[in-house]
Amino acid sequence: MTPAQKELARHALGLNRQRRSYRNHFVTGEGGNEHREWMALVEAGHAQRRAGSDLTGGDDLFRLTRAGAELALEKRESLDPEDFPKVAA
């Protein structure tokens, strides 16, 4: 994950004062640098893309995978289990 991608991923997570994520989404339209970075995250398996809809104003909606979200975290930060539930082994 590049520094620019990490910055976008951290924004998508919306880390709060308790150093925990409180969301997992980022909306951006085709043609910009942010969209290209998110598409690279999708290709790397660090994010998923949902095509634009009326709800997003036609822009694409991106969500981080658990692996992508964990790469974006700093020490002592955590993911909200509501957005990133633990998977039984």
C-alpha atoms as a PDB file:
ATOM      1  CA  MET A   1       0.000   0.000   0.000  1.00  0.00           C
ATOM      2  CA  THR A   2       1.469   3.327  -1.076  1.00  0.00           C
ATOM      3  CA  PRO A   3       1.465   6.342   1.247  1.00  0.00           C
ATOM      4  CA  ALA A   4      -1.302   7.960  -0.844  1.00  0.00           C
ATOM      5  CA  GLN A   5      -3.400   4.791  -0.663  1.00  0.00           C
ATOM      6  CA  LYS A   6      -2.840   4.548   3.086  1.00  0.00           C
ATOM      7  CA  GLU A   7      -4.042   8.124   3.522  1.00  0.00           C
ATOM      8  CA  LEU A   8      -7.212   7.356   1.522  1.00  0.00           C
ATOM      9  CA  ALA A   9      -7.768   4.133   3.471  1.00  0.00           C
ATOM     10  CA  ARG A  10      -7.408   5.929   6.794  1.00  0.00           C
ATOM     11  CA  HIS A  11      -9.913   8.543   5.645  1.00  0.00           C
ATOM     12  CA  ALA A  12     -12.346   5.759   4.701  1.00  0.00           C
ATOM     13  CA  LEU A  13     -11.976   4.274   8.200  1.00  0.00           C
ATOM     14  CA  GLY A  14     -12.665   7.589   9.921  1.00  0.00           C
ATOM     15  CA  LEU A  15     -10.562   6.821  12.984  1.00  0.00           C
ATOM     16  CA  ASN A  16     -11.953   8.543  16.086  1.00  0.00           C
ATOM     17  CA  ARG A  17     -10.380   9.845  19.312  1.00  0.00           C
ATOM     18  CA  GLN A  18     -10.415   6.328  20.751  1.00  0.00           C
ATOM     19  CA  ARG A  19      -8.236   5.291  17.780  1.00  0.00           C
ATOM     20  CA  ARG A  20     -10.956   2.996  16.435  1.00  0.00           C
ATOM     21  CA  SER A  21     -12.555   2.983  13.007  1.00  0.00           C
ATOM     22  CA  TYR A  22     -16.169   4.104  12.855  1.00  0.00           C
ATOM     23  CA  ARG A  23     -16.929   3.601   9.165  1.00  0.00           C
ATOM     24  CA  ASN A  24     -15.639   1.846   6.070  1.00  0.00           C
ATOM     25  CA  HIS A  25     -16.444   3.646   2.858  1.00  0.00           C
ATOM     26  CA  PHE A  26     -15.141   6.170   0.366  1.00  0.00           C
ATOM     27  CA  VAL A  27     -17.056   7.620  -2.588  1.00  0.00           C
ATOM     28  CA  THR A  28     -15.250   8.994  -5.631  1.00  0.00           C
ATOM     29  CA  GLY A  29     -15.879   9.344  -9.342  1.00  0.00           C
ATOM     30  CA  GLU A  30     -13.900   8.110 -12.299  1.00  0.00           C
ATOM     31  CA  GLY A  31     -11.181  10.269 -13.783  1.00  0.00           C
ATOM     32  CA  GLY A  32      -9.485  11.526 -10.635  1.00  0.00           C
ATOM     33  CA  ASN A  33      -6.357  10.473  -8.770  1.00  0.00           C
ATOM     34  CA  GLU A  34      -8.386   9.153  -5.819  1.00  0.00           C
ATOM     35  CA  HIS A  35     -10.370   6.830  -8.090  1.00  0.00           C
ATOM     36  CA  ARG A  36      -7.181   5.480  -9.679  1.00  0.00           C
ATOM     37  CA  GLU A  37      -5.669   4.843  -6.238  1.00  0.00           C
ATOM     38  CA  TRP A  38      -8.830   3.032  -5.091  1.00  0.00           C
ATOM     39  CA  MET A  39      -8.865   0.898  -8.248  1.00  0.00           C
ATOM     40  CA  ALA A  40      -5.266  -0.093  -7.490  1.00  0.00           C
ATOM     41  CA  LEU A  41      -6.369  -1.064  -3.959  1.00  0.00           C
ATOM     42  CA  VAL A  42      -9.133  -3.202  -5.491  1.00  0.00           C
ATOM     43  CA  GLU A  43      -6.640  -4.912  -7.813  1.00  0.00           C
ATOM     44  CA  ALA A  44      -4.360  -5.634  -4.836  1.00  0.00           C
ATOM     45  CA  GLY A  45      -7.242  -7.202  -2.890  1.00  0.00           C
ATOM     46  CA  HIS A  46      -7.289  -4.407  -0.302  1.00  0.00           C
ATOM     47  CA  ALA A  47     -10.676  -2.963  -1.275  1.00  0.00           C
ATOM     48  CA  GLN A  48     -13.940  -3.738  -3.012  1.00  0.00           C
ATOM     49  CA  ARG A  49     -15.769  -1.507  -5.488  1.00  0.00           C
ATOM     50  CA  ARG A  50     -19.487  -1.015  -5.957  1.00  0.00           C
ATOM     51  CA  ALA A  51     -20.491   0.806  -9.130  1.00  0.00           C
ATOM     52  CA  GLY A  52     -22.082   4.211  -8.730  1.00  0.00           C
ATOM     53  CA  SER A  53     -25.782   4.560  -7.994  1.00  0.00           C
ATOM     54  CA  ASP A  54     -28.336   7.265  -7.275  1.00  0.00           C
ATOM     55  CA  LEU A  55     -27.372   7.006  -3.600  1.00  0.00           C
ATOM     56  CA  THR A  56     -23.747   7.949  -4.355  1.00  0.00           C
ATOM     57  CA  GLY A  57     -24.566  10.548  -6.990  1.00  0.00           C
ATOM     58  CA  GLY A  58     -23.281   8.195  -9.678  1.00  0.00           C
ATOM     59  CA  ASP A  59     -19.813   7.884  -8.135  1.00  0.00           C
ATOM     60  CA  ASP A  60     -18.296   4.542  -7.149  1.00  0.00           C
ATOM     61  CA  LEU A  61     -18.376   3.330  -3.543  1.00  0.00           C
ATOM     62  CA  PHE A  62     -15.247   1.663  -2.181  1.00  0.00           C
ATOM     63  CA  ARG A  63     -14.920  -0.413   0.998  1.00  0.00           C
ATOM     64  CA  LEU A  64     -11.726  -1.790   2.479  1.00  0.00           C
ATOM     65  CA  THR A  65     -11.229  -5.488   2.999  1.00  0.00           C
ATOM     66  CA  ARG A  66     -10.029  -6.541   6.447  1.00  0.00           C
ATOM     67  CA  ALA A  67      -6.518  -6.990   5.013  1.00  0.00           C
ATOM     68  CA  GLY A  68      -6.546  -3.502   3.506  1.00  0.00           C
ATOM     69  CA  ALA A  69      -7.914  -1.935   6.682  1.00  0.00           C
ATOM     70  CA  GLU A  70      -5.274  -3.631   8.833  1.00  0.00           C
ATOM     71  CA  LEU A  71      -2.507  -2.287   6.559  1.00  0.00           C
ATOM     72  CA  ALA A  72      -3.807   1.245   7.101  1.00  0.00           C
ATOM     73  CA  LEU A  73      -3.762   1.085  10.907  1.00  0.00           C
ATOM     74  CA  GLU A  74      -1.042   2.577  13.102  1.00  0.00           C
ATOM     75  CA  LYS A  75       0.029   1.177  16.488  1.00  0.00           C
ATOM     76  CA  ARG A  76      -2.755   1.038  19.103  1.00  0.00           C
ATOM     77  CA  GLU A  77      -5.484   1.619  16.502  1.00  0.00           C
ATOM     78  CA  SER A  78      -8.267  -0.891  15.992  1.00  0.00           C
ATOM     79  CA  LEU A  79     -11.152  -1.754  13.703  1.00  0.00           C
ATOM     80  CA  ASP A  80     -14.777  -1.531  14.744  1.00  0.00           C
ATOM     81  CA  PRO A  81     -16.038  -5.140  14.934  1.00  0.00           C
ATOM     82  CA  GLU A  82     -19.371  -4.021  13.466  1.00  0.00           C
ATOM     83  CA  ASP A  83     -17.651  -3.129  10.192  1.00  0.00           C
ATOM     84  CA  PHE A  84     -15.002  -5.852  10.431  1.00  0.00           C
ATOM     85  CA  PRO A  85     -16.455  -8.896  12.240  1.00  0.00           C
ATOM     86  CA  LYS A  86     -14.075 -11.660  13.235  1.00  0.00           C
ATOM     87  CA  VAL A  87     -14.355 -14.674  10.943  1.00  0.00           C
ATOM     88  CA  ALA A  88     -14.563 -18.068  12.635  1.00  0.00           C
ATOM     89  CA  ALA A  89     -11.684 -20.337  11.698  1.00  0.00           C
END
